[in-house]
């Protein structure tokens, strides 16, 4: 067992498995072999992620304080950080992110 804390979420994308853990670690694992391609430490406490359709190597992370980021799992860096999202959501916590039928558009499921 390579995980150092509780698993919050995992998602199969193509030939990899992306695993988000409670200790801010993001694992990228080859599904066939179990080989861990990378273990990345995030700079904030993420609690949910999704993989947008047609975005190669990218996920959207939601986390503490309603942080919302587009993150490249291959380059291991933040591509875009959505600023002031908390004001736009009236303080409601993001619980889920889902792909819409349209490319480049996702829906946020909120606590309220």
PDB file of N, CA and C in Angstrom:
ATOM      1  N   UNK A   1       0.838  -1.183   0.000  1.00  0.00           N
ATOM      2  CA  UNK A   1       0.000   0.000   0.000  1.00  0.00           C
ATOM      3  C   UNK A   1       0.881   1.244   0.000  1.00  0.00           C
ATOM      4  N   UNK A   2       0.802   2.031  -1.045  1.00  0.00           N
ATOM      5  CA  UNK A   2       1.626   3.231  -1.184  1.00  0.00           C
ATOM      6  C   UNK A   2       0.945   4.482  -0.663  1.00  0.00           C
ATOM      7  N   UNK A   3      -0.310   4.407  -0.288  1.00  0.00           N
ATOM      8  CA  UNK A   3      -1.035   5.594   0.139  1.00  0.00           C
ATOM      9  C   UNK A   3      -0.728   5.900   1.601  1.00  0.00           C
ATOM     10  N   UNK A   4      -0.451   7.170   1.867  1.00  0.00           N
ATOM     11  CA  UNK A   4      -0.060   7.575   3.217  1.00  0.00           C
ATOM     12  C   UNK A   4      -1.229   8.118   4.027  1.00  0.00           C
ATOM     13  N   UNK A   5      -2.382   8.274   3.397  1.00  0.00           N
ATOM     14  CA  UNK A   5      -3.570   8.740   4.114  1.00  0.00           C
ATOM     15  C   UNK A   5      -4.818   8.234   3.395  1.00  0.00           C
ATOM     16  N   UNK A   6      -5.961   8.616   3.917  1.00  0.00           N
ATOM     17  CA  UNK A   6      -7.239   8.159   3.376  1.00  0.00           C
ATOM     18  C   UNK A   6      -7.459   8.651   1.945  1.00  0.00           C
ATOM     19  N   UNK A   7      -8.002   7.778   1.106  1.00  0.00           N
ATOM     20  CA  UNK A   7      -8.337   8.136  -0.272  1.00  0.00           C
ATOM     21  C   UNK A   7      -9.655   8.896  -0.265  1.00  0.00           C
ATOM     22  N   UNK A   8      -9.659  10.090  -0.877  1.00  0.00           N
ATOM     23  CA  UNK A   8     -10.873  10.889  -0.992  1.00  0.00           C
ATOM     24  C   UNK A   8     -11.639  10.552  -2.261  1.00  0.00           C
ATOM     25  N   UNK A   9     -10.888  10.305  -3.349  1.00  0.00           N
ATOM     26  CA  UNK A   9     -11.521  10.055  -4.640  1.00  0.00           C
ATOM     27  C   UNK A   9     -10.518   9.395  -5.572  1.00  0.00           C
ATOM     28  N   UNK A  10     -11.031   8.583  -6.497  1.00  0.00           N
ATOM     29  CA  UNK A  10     -10.191   8.059  -7.572  1.00  0.00           C
ATOM     30  C   UNK A  10     -11.003   8.040  -8.851  1.00  0.00           C
ATOM     31  N   UNK A  11     -10.287   8.133  -9.982  1.00  0.00           N
ATOM     32  CA  UNK A  11     -10.947   8.205 -11.278  1.00  0.00           C
ATOM     33  C   UNK A  11     -10.049   7.571 -12.329  1.00  0.00           C
ATOM     34  N   UNK A  12     -10.616   6.660 -13.117  1.00  0.00           N
ATOM     35  CA  UNK A  12      -9.893   6.057 -14.237  1.00  0.00           C
ATOM     36  C   UNK A  12     -10.042   6.967 -15.450  1.00  0.00           C
ATOM     37  N   UNK A  13      -8.905   7.323 -16.050  1.00  0.00           N
ATOM     38  CA  UNK A  13      -8.881   8.167 -17.242  1.00  0.00           C
ATOM     39  C   UNK A  13      -7.932   7.509 -18.231  1.00  0.00           C
ATOM     40  N   UNK A  14      -8.481   6.952 -19.309  1.00  0.00           N
ATOM     41  CA  UNK A  14      -7.636   6.245 -20.271  1.00  0.00           C
ATOM     42  C   UNK A  14      -6.941   5.082 -19.600  1.00  0.00           C
ATOM     43  N   UNK A  15      -5.618   5.043 -19.685  1.00  0.00           N
ATOM     44  CA  UNK A  15      -4.852   3.931 -19.103  1.00  0.00           C
ATOM     45  C   UNK A  15      -4.292   4.247 -17.717  1.00  0.00           C
ATOM     46  N   UNK A  16      -4.730   5.363 -17.119  1.00  0.00           N
ATOM     47  CA  UNK A  16      -4.229   5.720 -15.789  1.00  0.00           C
ATOM     48  C   UNK A  16      -5.363   5.807 -14.765  1.00  0.00           C
ATOM     49  N   UNK A  17      -4.970   5.732 -13.517  1.00  0.00           N
ATOM     50  CA  UNK A  17      -5.877   5.926 -12.393  1.00  0.00           C
ATOM     51  C   UNK A  17      -5.348   7.123 -11.612  1.00  0.00           C
ATOM     52  N   UNK A  18      -6.200   8.109 -11.396  1.00  0.00           N
ATOM     53  CA  UNK A  18      -5.819   9.292 -10.629  1.00  0.00           C
ATOM     54  C   UNK A  18      -6.445   9.146  -9.249  1.00  0.00           C
ATOM     55  N   UNK A  19      -5.628   9.293  -8.213  1.00  0.00           N
ATOM     56  CA  UNK A  19      -6.093   9.099  -6.838  1.00  0.00           C
ATOM     57  C   UNK A  19      -5.775  10.353  -6.022  1.00  0.00           C
ATOM     58  N   UNK A  20      -6.797  10.897  -5.370  1.00  0.00           N
ATOM     59  CA  UNK A  20      -6.638  12.061  -4.502  1.00  0.00           C
ATOM     60  C   UNK A  20      -6.744  11.601  -3.056  1.00  0.00           C
ATOM     61  N   UNK A  21      -5.742  11.957  -2.250  1.00  0.00           N
ATOM     62  CA  UNK A  21      -5.716  11.543  -0.843  1.00  0.00           C
ATOM     63  C   UNK A  21      -5.861  12.744   0.088  1.00  0.00           C
ATOM     64  N   UNK A  22      -6.241  12.440   1.311  1.00  0.00           N
ATOM     65  CA  UNK A  22      -6.503  13.452   2.324  1.00  0.00           C
ATOM     66  C   UNK A  22      -5.279  14.308   2.666  1.00  0.00           C
ATOM     67  N   UNK A  23      -4.073  13.782   2.477  1.00  0.00           N
ATOM     68  CA  UNK A  23      -2.843  14.503   2.838  1.00  0.00           C
ATOM     69  C   UNK A  23      -2.303  15.401   1.720  1.00  0.00           C
ATOM     70  N   UNK A  24      -3.182  15.827   0.805  1.00  0.00           N
ATOM     71  CA  UNK A  24      -2.854  16.722  -0.314  1.00  0.00           C
ATOM     72  C   UNK A  24      -2.030  16.036  -1.398  1.00  0.00           C
ATOM     73  N   UNK A  25      -1.971  14.722  -1.406  1.00  0.00           N
ATOM     74  CA  UNK A  25      -1.201  13.998  -2.421  1.00  0.00           C
ATOM     75  C   UNK A  25      -2.125  13.526  -3.545  1.00  0.00           C
ATOM     76  N   UNK A  26      -1.606  13.633  -4.769  1.00  0.00           N
ATOM     77  CA  UNK A  26      -2.307  13.201  -5.966  1.00  0.00           C
ATOM     78  C   UNK A  26      -1.427  12.154  -6.637  1.00  0.00           C
ATOM     79  N   UNK A  27      -1.943  10.944  -6.770  1.00  0.00           N
ATOM     80  CA  UNK A  27      -1.200   9.834  -7.365  1.00  0.00           C
ATOM     81  C   UNK A  27      -1.683   9.613  -8.793  1.00  0.00           C
ATOM     82  N   UNK A  28      -0.748   9.360  -9.692  1.00  0.00           N
ATOM     83  CA  UNK A  28      -1.072   8.962 -11.060  1.00  0.00           C
ATOM     84  C   UNK A  28      -0.478   7.571 -11.248  1.00  0.00           C
ATOM     85  N   UNK A  29      -1.357   6.592 -11.488  1.00  0.00           N
ATOM     86  CA  UNK A  29      -0.964   5.179 -11.491  1.00  0.00           C
ATOM     87  C   UNK A  29      -1.369   4.524 -12.804  1.00  0.00           C
ATOM     88  N   UNK A  30      -0.474   3.720 -13.373  1.00  0.00           N
ATOM     89  CA  UNK A  30      -0.817   2.949 -14.570  1.00  0.00           C
ATOM     90  C   UNK A  30      -1.757   1.822 -14.162  1.00  0.00           C
ATOM     91  N   UNK A  31      -2.905   1.728 -14.827  1.00  0.00           N
ATOM     92  CA  UNK A  31      -3.909   0.738 -14.447  1.00  0.00           C
ATOM     93  C   UNK A  31      -3.445  -0.699 -14.660  1.00  0.00           C
ATOM     94  N   UNK A  32      -2.777  -0.974 -15.759  1.00  0.00           N
ATOM     95  CA  UNK A  32      -2.387  -2.350 -16.088  1.00  0.00           C
ATOM     96  C   UNK A  32      -1.336  -2.912 -15.140  1.00  0.00           C
ATOM     97  N   UNK A  33      -0.348  -2.089 -14.795  1.00  0.00           N
ATOM     98  CA  UNK A  33       0.799  -2.588 -14.026  1.00  0.00           C
ATOM     99  C   UNK A  33       0.790  -2.173 -12.555  1.00  0.00           C
ATOM    100  N   UNK A  34       0.040  -1.123 -12.228  1.00  0.00           N
ATOM    101  CA  UNK A  34       0.064  -0.601 -10.866  1.00  0.00           C
ATOM    102  C   UNK A  34       1.258   0.307 -10.606  1.00  0.00           C
ATOM    103  N   UNK A  35       2.059   0.558 -11.650  1.00  0.00           N
ATOM    104  CA  UNK A  35       3.226   1.426 -11.524  1.00  0.00           C
ATOM    105  C   UNK A  35       2.775   2.858 -11.213  1.00  0.00           C
ATOM    106  N   UNK A  36       3.373   3.454 -10.199  1.00  0.00           N
ATOM    107  CA  UNK A  36       3.040   4.830  -9.830  1.00  0.00           C
ATOM    108  C   UNK A  36       3.890   5.767 -10.680  1.00  0.00           C
ATOM    109  N   UNK A  37       3.246   6.458 -11.622  1.00  0.00           N
ATOM    110  CA  UNK A  37       3.957   7.405 -12.491  1.00  0.00           C
ATOM    111  C   UNK A  37       4.422   8.630 -11.712  1.00  0.00           C
ATOM    112  N   UNK A  38       3.572   9.104 -10.822  1.00  0.00           N
ATOM    113  CA  UNK A  38       3.957  10.276 -10.033  1.00  0.00           C
ATOM    114  C   UNK A  38       3.131  10.366  -8.759  1.00  0.00           C
ATOM    115  N   UNK A  39       3.742  10.992  -7.769  1.00  0.00           N
ATOM    116  CA  UNK A  39       3.057  11.369  -6.537  1.00  0.00           C
ATOM    117  C   UNK A  39       3.283  12.866  -6.408  1.00  0.00           C
ATOM    118  N   UNK A  40       2.207  13.620  -6.484  1.00  0.00           N
ATOM    119  CA  UNK A  40       2.308  15.068  -6.472  1.00  0.00           C
ATOM    120  C   UNK A  40       1.691  15.614  -5.191  1.00  0.00           C
ATOM    121  N   UNK A  41       2.363  16.575  -4.579  1.00  0.00           N
ATOM    122  CA  UNK A  41       1.819  17.229  -3.396  1.00  0.00           C
ATOM    123  C   UNK A  41       1.200  18.546  -3.836  1.00  0.00           C
ATOM    124  N   UNK A  42      -0.092  18.678  -3.609  1.00  0.00           N
ATOM    125  CA  UNK A  42      -0.820  19.879  -4.009  1.00  0.00           C
ATOM    126  C   UNK A  42      -0.559  21.007  -3.020  1.00  0.00           C
ATOM    127  N   UNK A  43      -0.710  22.246  -3.481  1.00  0.00           N
ATOM    128  CA  UNK A  43      -0.451  23.399  -2.614  1.00  0.00           C
ATOM    129  C   UNK A  43      -1.688  23.862  -1.844  1.00  0.00           C
ATOM    130  N   UNK A  44      -2.773  23.103  -1.934  1.00  0.00           N
ATOM    131  CA  UNK A  44      -3.965  23.407  -1.148  1.00  0.00           C
ATOM    132  C   UNK A  44      -4.705  22.105  -0.873  1.00  0.00           C
ATOM    133  N   UNK A  45      -5.666  22.159   0.054  1.00  0.00           N
ATOM    134  CA  UNK A  45      -6.413  20.966   0.424  1.00  0.00           C
ATOM    135  C   UNK A  45      -7.547  20.734  -0.558  1.00  0.00           C
ATOM    136  N   UNK A  46      -7.326  19.876  -1.525  1.00  0.00           N
ATOM    137  CA  UNK A  46      -8.366  19.545  -2.499  1.00  0.00           C
ATOM    138  C   UNK A  46      -9.230  18.428  -1.939  1.00  0.00           C
ATOM    139  N   UNK A  47     -10.516  18.462  -2.246  1.00  0.00           N
ATOM    140  CA  UNK A  47     -11.400  17.398  -1.788  1.00  0.00           C
ATOM    141  C   UNK A  47     -12.196  16.764  -2.918  1.00  0.00           C
ATOM    142  N   UNK A  48     -12.092  17.302  -4.136  1.00  0.00           N
ATOM    143  CA  UNK A  48     -12.820  16.721  -5.267  1.00  0.00           C
ATOM    144  C   UNK A  48     -12.110  17.111  -6.559  1.00  0.00           C
ATOM    145  N   UNK A  49     -12.199  16.247  -7.562  1.00  0.00           N
ATOM    146  CA  UNK A  49     -11.669  16.585  -8.883  1.00  0.00           C
ATOM    147  C   UNK A  49     -12.482  15.895  -9.965  1.00  0.00           C
ATOM    148  N   UNK A  50     -12.342  16.396 -11.177  1.00  0.00           N
ATOM    149  CA  UNK A  50     -12.950  15.749 -12.337  1.00  0.00           C
ATOM    150  C   UNK A  50     -12.045  15.969 -13.540  1.00  0.00           C
ATOM    151  N   UNK A  51     -12.220  15.118 -14.546  1.00  0.00           N
ATOM    152  CA  UNK A  51     -11.437  15.222 -15.775  1.00  0.00           C
ATOM    153  C   UNK A  51     -12.357  15.708 -16.890  1.00  0.00           C
ATOM    154  N   UNK A  52     -12.154  16.948 -17.369  1.00  0.00           N
ATOM    155  CA  UNK A  52     -13.009  17.455 -18.443  1.00  0.00           C
ATOM    156  C   UNK A  52     -12.764  16.706 -19.757  1.00  0.00           C
ATOM    157  N   UNK A  53     -13.837  16.447 -20.465  1.00  0.00           N
ATOM    158  CA  UNK A  53     -13.752  15.793 -21.767  1.00  0.00           C
ATOM    159  C   UNK A  53     -12.876  16.648 -22.682  1.00  0.00           C
ATOM    160  N   UNK A  54     -12.016  16.026 -23.426  1.00  0.00           N
ATOM    161  CA  UNK A  54     -11.116  16.636 -24.417  1.00  0.00           C
ATOM    162  C   UNK A  54      -9.952  17.427 -23.818  1.00  0.00           C
ATOM    163  N   UNK A  55      -9.767  17.411 -22.516  1.00  0.00           N
ATOM    164  CA  UNK A  55      -8.619  18.071 -21.895  1.00  0.00           C
ATOM    165  C   UNK A  55      -7.568  17.016 -21.584  1.00  0.00           C
ATOM    166  N   UNK A  56      -6.555  16.914 -22.404  1.00  0.00           N
ATOM    167  CA  UNK A  56      -5.503  15.923 -22.235  1.00  0.00           C
ATOM    168  C   UNK A  56      -4.648  16.250 -21.009  1.00  0.00           C
ATOM    169  N   UNK A  57      -4.501  15.283 -20.114  1.00  0.00           N
ATOM    170  CA  UNK A  57      -3.654  15.395 -18.916  1.00  0.00           C
ATOM    171  C   UNK A  57      -4.089  16.466 -17.924  1.00  0.00           C
ATOM    172  N   UNK A  58      -5.339  16.884 -17.989  1.00  0.00           N
ATOM    173  CA  UNK A  58      -5.783  17.947 -17.088  1.00  0.00           C
ATOM    174  C   UNK A  58      -6.988  17.511 -16.267  1.00  0.00           C
ATOM    175  N   UNK A  59      -7.027  18.034 -15.033  1.00  0.00           N
ATOM    176  CA  UNK A  59      -8.171  17.829 -14.159  1.00  0.00           C
ATOM    177  C   UNK A  59      -8.554  19.174 -13.561  1.00  0.00           C
ATOM    178  N   UNK A  60      -9.791  19.270 -13.087  1.00  0.00           N
ATOM    179  CA  UNK A  60     -10.231  20.442 -12.340  1.00  0.00           C
ATOM    180  C   UNK A  60     -10.344  20.012 -10.889  1.00  0.00           C
ATOM    181  N   UNK A  61      -9.667  20.737 -10.015  1.00  0.00           N
ATOM    182  CA  UNK A  61      -9.654  20.445  -8.580  1.00  0.00           C
ATOM    183  C   UNK A  61     -10.494  21.471  -7.823  1.00  0.00           C
ATOM    184  N   UNK A  62     -11.301  20.992  -6.883  1.00  0.00           N
ATOM    185  CA  UNK A  62     -12.028  21.870  -5.964  1.00  0.00           C
ATOM    186  C   UNK A  62     -11.473  21.618  -4.574  1.00  0.00           C
ATOM    187  N   UNK A  63     -11.362  22.689  -3.786  1.00  0.00           N
ATOM    188  CA  UNK A  63     -10.783  22.495  -2.465  1.00  0.00           C
ATOM    189  C   UNK A  63     -11.128  23.582  -1.478  1.00  0.00           C
ATOM    190  N   UNK A  64     -10.326  23.618  -0.415  1.00  0.00           N
ATOM    191  CA  UNK A  64     -10.562  24.523   0.710  1.00  0.00           C
ATOM    192  C   UNK A  64     -10.840  25.951   0.250  1.00  0.00           C
ATOM    193  N   UNK A  65     -11.773  26.591   0.918  1.00  0.00           N
ATOM    194  CA  UNK A  65     -12.108  27.971   0.589  1.00  0.00           C
ATOM    195  C   UNK A  65     -12.676  28.121  -0.802  1.00  0.00           C
ATOM    196  N   UNK A  66     -13.251  27.056  -1.334  1.00  0.00           N
ATOM    197  CA  UNK A  66     -13.786  27.028  -2.698  1.00  0.00           C
ATOM    198  C   UNK A  66     -12.726  27.339  -3.747  1.00  0.00           C
ATOM    199  N   UNK A  67     -11.501  26.916  -3.495  1.00  0.00           N
ATOM    200  CA  UNK A  67     -10.462  27.026  -4.515  1.00  0.00           C
ATOM    201  C   UNK A  67     -10.860  26.142  -5.684  1.00  0.00           C
ATOM    202  N   UNK A  68     -10.632  26.621  -6.866  1.00  0.00           N
ATOM    203  CA  UNK A  68     -10.940  25.868  -8.076  1.00  0.00           C
ATOM    204  C   UNK A  68      -9.780  26.071  -9.038  1.00  0.00           C
ATOM    205  N   UNK A  69      -9.150  24.963  -9.459  1.00  0.00           N
ATOM    206  CA  UNK A  69      -7.953  25.046 -10.300  1.00  0.00           C
ATOM    207  C   UNK A  69      -8.020  24.047 -11.446  1.00  0.00           C
ATOM    208  N   UNK A  70      -7.450  24.442 -12.575  1.00  0.00           N
ATOM    209  CA  UNK A  70      -7.173  23.485 -13.645  1.00  0.00           C
ATOM    210  C   UNK A  70      -5.723  23.075 -13.445  1.00  0.00           C
ATOM    211  N   UNK A  71      -5.489  21.779 -13.349  1.00  0.00           N
ATOM    212  CA  UNK A  71      -4.178  21.238 -12.994  1.00  0.00           C
ATOM    213  C   UNK A  71      -3.729  20.245 -14.056  1.00  0.00           C
ATOM    214  N   UNK A  72      -2.477  20.368 -14.513  1.00  0.00           N
ATOM    215  CA  UNK A  72      -1.905  19.443 -15.488  1.00  0.00           C
ATOM    216  C   UNK A  72      -1.173  18.340 -14.732  1.00  0.00           C
ATOM    217  N   UNK A  73      -1.657  17.099 -14.841  1.00  0.00           N
ATOM    218  CA  UNK A  73      -1.062  15.999 -14.076  1.00  0.00           C
ATOM    219  C   UNK A  73       0.271  15.534 -14.646  1.00  0.00           C
ATOM    220  N   UNK A  74       0.529  15.781 -15.919  1.00  0.00           N
ATOM    221  CA  UNK A  74       1.828  15.417 -16.507  1.00  0.00           C
ATOM    222  C   UNK A  74       2.891  16.453 -16.167  1.00  0.00           C
ATOM    223  N   UNK A  75       2.564  17.733 -16.356  1.00  0.00           N
ATOM    224  CA  UNK A  75       3.510  18.814 -16.049  1.00  0.00           C
ATOM    225  C   UNK A  75       3.594  19.066 -14.544  1.00  0.00           C
ATOM    226  N   UNK A  76       2.630  18.547 -13.791  1.00  0.00           N
ATOM    227  CA  UNK A  76       2.563  18.688 -12.335  1.00  0.00           C
ATOM    228  C   UNK A  76       2.525  20.153 -11.907  1.00  0.00           C
ATOM    229  N   UNK A  77       1.618  20.905 -12.543  1.00  0.00           N
ATOM    230  CA  UNK A  77       1.491  22.314 -12.167  1.00  0.00           C
ATOM    231  C   UNK A  77       0.082  22.835 -12.446  1.00  0.00           C
ATOM    232  N   UNK A  78      -0.228  23.932 -11.766  1.00  0.00           N
ATOM    233  CA  UNK A  78      -1.510  24.600 -11.951  1.00  0.00           C
ATOM    234  C   UNK A  78      -1.472  25.352 -13.276  1.00  0.00           C
ATOM    235  N   UNK A  79      -2.487  25.131 -14.098  1.00  0.00           N
ATOM    236  CA  UNK A  79      -2.605  25.819 -15.385  1.00  0.00           C
ATOM    237  C   UNK A  79      -3.422  27.101 -15.227  1.00  0.00           C
ATOM    238  N   UNK A  80      -4.474  27.006 -14.414  1.00  0.00           N
ATOM    239  CA  UNK A  80      -5.327  28.175 -14.200  1.00  0.00           C
ATOM    240  C   UNK A  80      -5.942  28.109 -12.811  1.00  0.00           C
ATOM    241  N   UNK A  81      -5.972  29.238 -12.134  1.00  0.00           N
ATOM    242  CA  UNK A  81      -6.574  29.344 -10.810  1.00  0.00           C
ATOM    243  C   UNK A  81      -7.754  30.309 -10.910  1.00  0.00           C
ATOM    244  N   UNK A  82      -8.960  29.819 -10.651  1.00  0.00           N
ATOM    245  CA  UNK A  82     -10.146  30.667 -10.702  1.00  0.00           C
ATOM    246  C   UNK A  82     -10.171  31.538  -9.450  1.00  0.00           C
ATOM    247  N   UNK A  83     -10.071  32.841  -9.635  1.00  0.00           N
ATOM    248  CA  UNK A  83     -10.030  33.773  -8.508  1.00  0.00           C
ATOM    249  C   UNK A  83     -11.439  34.288  -8.196  1.00  0.00           C
ATOM    250  N   UNK A  84     -11.638  34.648  -6.951  1.00  0.00           N
ATOM    251  CA  UNK A  84     -12.898  35.234  -6.477  1.00  0.00           C
ATOM    252  C   UNK A  84     -14.113  34.340  -6.692  1.00  0.00           C
ATOM    253  N   UNK A  85     -13.906  33.046  -6.775  1.00  0.00           N
ATOM    254  CA  UNK A  85     -15.021  32.126  -7.003  1.00  0.00           C
ATOM    255  C   UNK A  85     -15.960  32.097  -5.797  1.00  0.00           C
ATOM    256  N   UNK A  86     -15.436  32.300  -4.584  1.00  0.00           N
ATOM    257  CA  UNK A  86     -16.263  32.255  -3.375  1.00  0.00           C
ATOM    258  C   UNK A  86     -17.339  33.337  -3.397  1.00  0.00           C
ATOM    259  N   UNK A  87     -16.985  34.537  -3.824  1.00  0.00           N
ATOM    260  CA  UNK A  87     -17.971  35.626  -3.913  1.00  0.00           C
ATOM    261  C   UNK A  87     -19.079  35.261  -4.893  1.00  0.00           C
ATOM    262  N   UNK A  88     -18.719  34.681  -6.006  1.00  0.00           N
ATOM    263  CA  UNK A  88     -19.707  34.332  -7.030  1.00  0.00           C
ATOM    264  C   UNK A  88     -20.627  33.206  -6.578  1.00  0.00           C
ATOM    265  N   UNK A  89     -20.156  32.386  -5.645  1.00  0.00           N
ATOM    266  CA  UNK A  89     -20.955  31.258  -5.158  1.00  0.00           C
ATOM    267  C   UNK A  89     -21.667  31.586  -3.851  1.00  0.00           C
ATOM    268  N   UNK A  90     -21.587  32.839  -3.407  1.00  0.00           N
ATOM    269  CA  UNK A  90     -22.205  33.276  -2.144  1.00  0.00           C
ATOM    270  C   UNK A  90     -21.792  32.403  -0.967  1.00  0.00           C
ATOM    271  N   UNK A  91     -20.558  31.937  -0.963  1.00  0.00           N
ATOM    272  CA  UNK A  91     -20.025  31.162   0.153  1.00  0.00           C
ATOM    273  C   UNK A  91     -20.419  29.697   0.182  1.00  0.00           C
ATOM    274  N   UNK A  92     -21.266  29.243  -0.736  1.00  0.00           N
ATOM    275  CA  UNK A  92     -21.684  27.835  -0.759  1.00  0.00           C
ATOM    276  C   UNK A  92     -20.507  26.957  -1.169  1.00  0.00           C
ATOM    277  N   UNK A  93     -20.332  25.848  -0.483  1.00  0.00           N
ATOM    278  CA  UNK A  93     -19.222  24.925  -0.753  1.00  0.00           C
ATOM    279  C   UNK A  93     -19.485  24.119  -2.029  1.00  0.00           C
ATOM    280  N   UNK A  94     -18.439  23.940  -2.840  1.00  0.00           N
ATOM    281  CA  UNK A  94     -18.529  23.100  -4.036  1.00  0.00           C
ATOM    282  C   UNK A  94     -18.493  21.643  -3.593  1.00  0.00           C
ATOM    283  N   UNK A  95     -19.495  20.871  -3.981  1.00  0.00           N
ATOM    284  CA  UNK A  95     -19.552  19.458  -3.620  1.00  0.00           C
ATOM    285  C   UNK A  95     -19.198  18.540  -4.780  1.00  0.00           C
ATOM    286  N   UNK A  96     -19.476  18.984  -5.997  1.00  0.00           N
ATOM    287  CA  UNK A  96     -19.190  18.151  -7.163  1.00  0.00           C
ATOM    288  C   UNK A  96     -18.967  19.027  -8.389  1.00  0.00           C
ATOM    289  N   UNK A  97     -18.294  18.467  -9.371  1.00  0.00           N
ATOM    290  CA  UNK A  97     -18.081  19.128 -10.659  1.00  0.00           C
ATOM    291  C   UNK A  97     -18.456  18.103 -11.718  1.00  0.00           C
ATOM    292  N   UNK A  98     -19.308  18.487 -12.653  1.00  0.00           N
ATOM    293  CA  UNK A  98     -19.756  17.553 -13.690  1.00  0.00           C
ATOM    294  C   UNK A  98     -19.599  18.173 -15.066  1.00  0.00           C
ATOM    295  N   UNK A  99     -19.281  17.338 -16.032  1.00  0.00           N
ATOM    296  CA  UNK A  99     -19.145  17.763 -17.423  1.00  0.00           C
ATOM    297  C   UNK A  99     -20.523  18.073 -17.993  1.00  0.00           C
ATOM    298  N   UNK A 100     -20.635  19.168 -18.728  1.00  0.00           N
ATOM    299  CA  UNK A 100     -21.883  19.473 -19.434  1.00  0.00           C
ATOM    300  C   UNK A 100     -21.810  18.821 -20.815  1.00  0.00           C
ATOM    301  N   UNK A 101     -22.900  18.805 -21.559  1.00  0.00           N
ATOM    302  CA  UNK A 101     -22.846  18.254 -22.921  1.00  0.00           C
ATOM    303  C   UNK A 101     -21.935  19.062 -23.852  1.00  0.00           C
ATOM    304  N   UNK A 102     -21.627  20.292 -23.475  1.00  0.00           N
ATOM    305  CA  UNK A 102     -20.777  21.149 -24.299  1.00  0.00           C
ATOM    306  C   UNK A 102     -19.330  21.090 -23.826  1.00  0.00           C
ATOM    307  N   UNK A 103     -18.404  21.054 -24.767  1.00  0.00           N
ATOM    308  CA  UNK A 103     -16.978  21.066 -24.437  1.00  0.00           C
ATOM    309  C   UNK A 103     -16.648  22.407 -23.775  1.00  0.00           C
ATOM    310  N   UNK A 104     -15.729  22.404 -22.842  1.00  0.00           N
ATOM    311  CA  UNK A 104     -15.259  23.598 -22.133  1.00  0.00           C
ATOM    312  C   UNK A 104     -16.244  24.156 -21.111  1.00  0.00           C
ATOM    313  N   UNK A 105     -17.332  23.443 -20.843  1.00  0.00           N
ATOM    314  CA  UNK A 105     -18.289  23.913 -19.844  1.00  0.00           C
ATOM    315  C   UNK A 105     -18.544  22.799 -18.839  1.00  0.00           C
ATOM    316  N   UNK A 106     -18.399  23.146 -17.551  1.00  0.00           N
ATOM    317  CA  UNK A 106     -18.706  22.194 -16.481  1.00  0.00           C
ATOM    318  C   UNK A 106     -19.733  22.838 -15.553  1.00  0.00           C
ATOM    319  N   UNK A 107     -20.414  22.001 -14.792  1.00  0.00           N
ATOM    320  CA  UNK A 107     -21.381  22.475 -13.804  1.00  0.00           C
ATOM    321  C   UNK A 107     -20.820  22.224 -12.412  1.00  0.00           C
ATOM    322  N   UNK A 108     -21.062  23.144 -11.514  1.00  0.00           N
ATOM    323  CA  UNK A 108     -20.653  22.990 -10.122  1.00  0.00           C
ATOM    324  C   UNK A 108     -21.885  22.662  -9.290  1.00  0.00           C
ATOM    325  N   UNK A 109     -21.809  21.576  -8.534  1.00  0.00           N
ATOM    326  CA  UNK A 109     -22.868  21.237  -7.586  1.00  0.00           C
ATOM    327  C   UNK A 109     -22.496  21.826  -6.245  1.00  0.00           C
ATOM    328  N   UNK A 110     -23.389  22.620  -5.677  1.00  0.00           N
ATOM    329  CA  UNK A 110     -23.094  23.357  -4.455  1.00  0.00           C
ATOM    330  C   UNK A 110     -23.839  22.808  -3.245  1.00  0.00           C
ATOM    331  N   UNK A 111     -23.290  23.081  -2.084  1.00  0.00           N
ATOM    332  CA  UNK A 111     -23.867  22.652  -0.817  1.00  0.00           C
ATOM    333  C   UNK A 111     -25.258  23.248  -0.603  1.00  0.00           C
ATOM    334  N   UNK A 112     -25.470  24.459  -1.082  1.00  0.00           N
ATOM    335  CA  UNK A 112     -26.755  25.130  -0.872  1.00  0.00           C
ATOM    336  C   UNK A 112     -27.781  24.594  -1.851  1.00  0.00           C
TER     337      UNK A 112
END
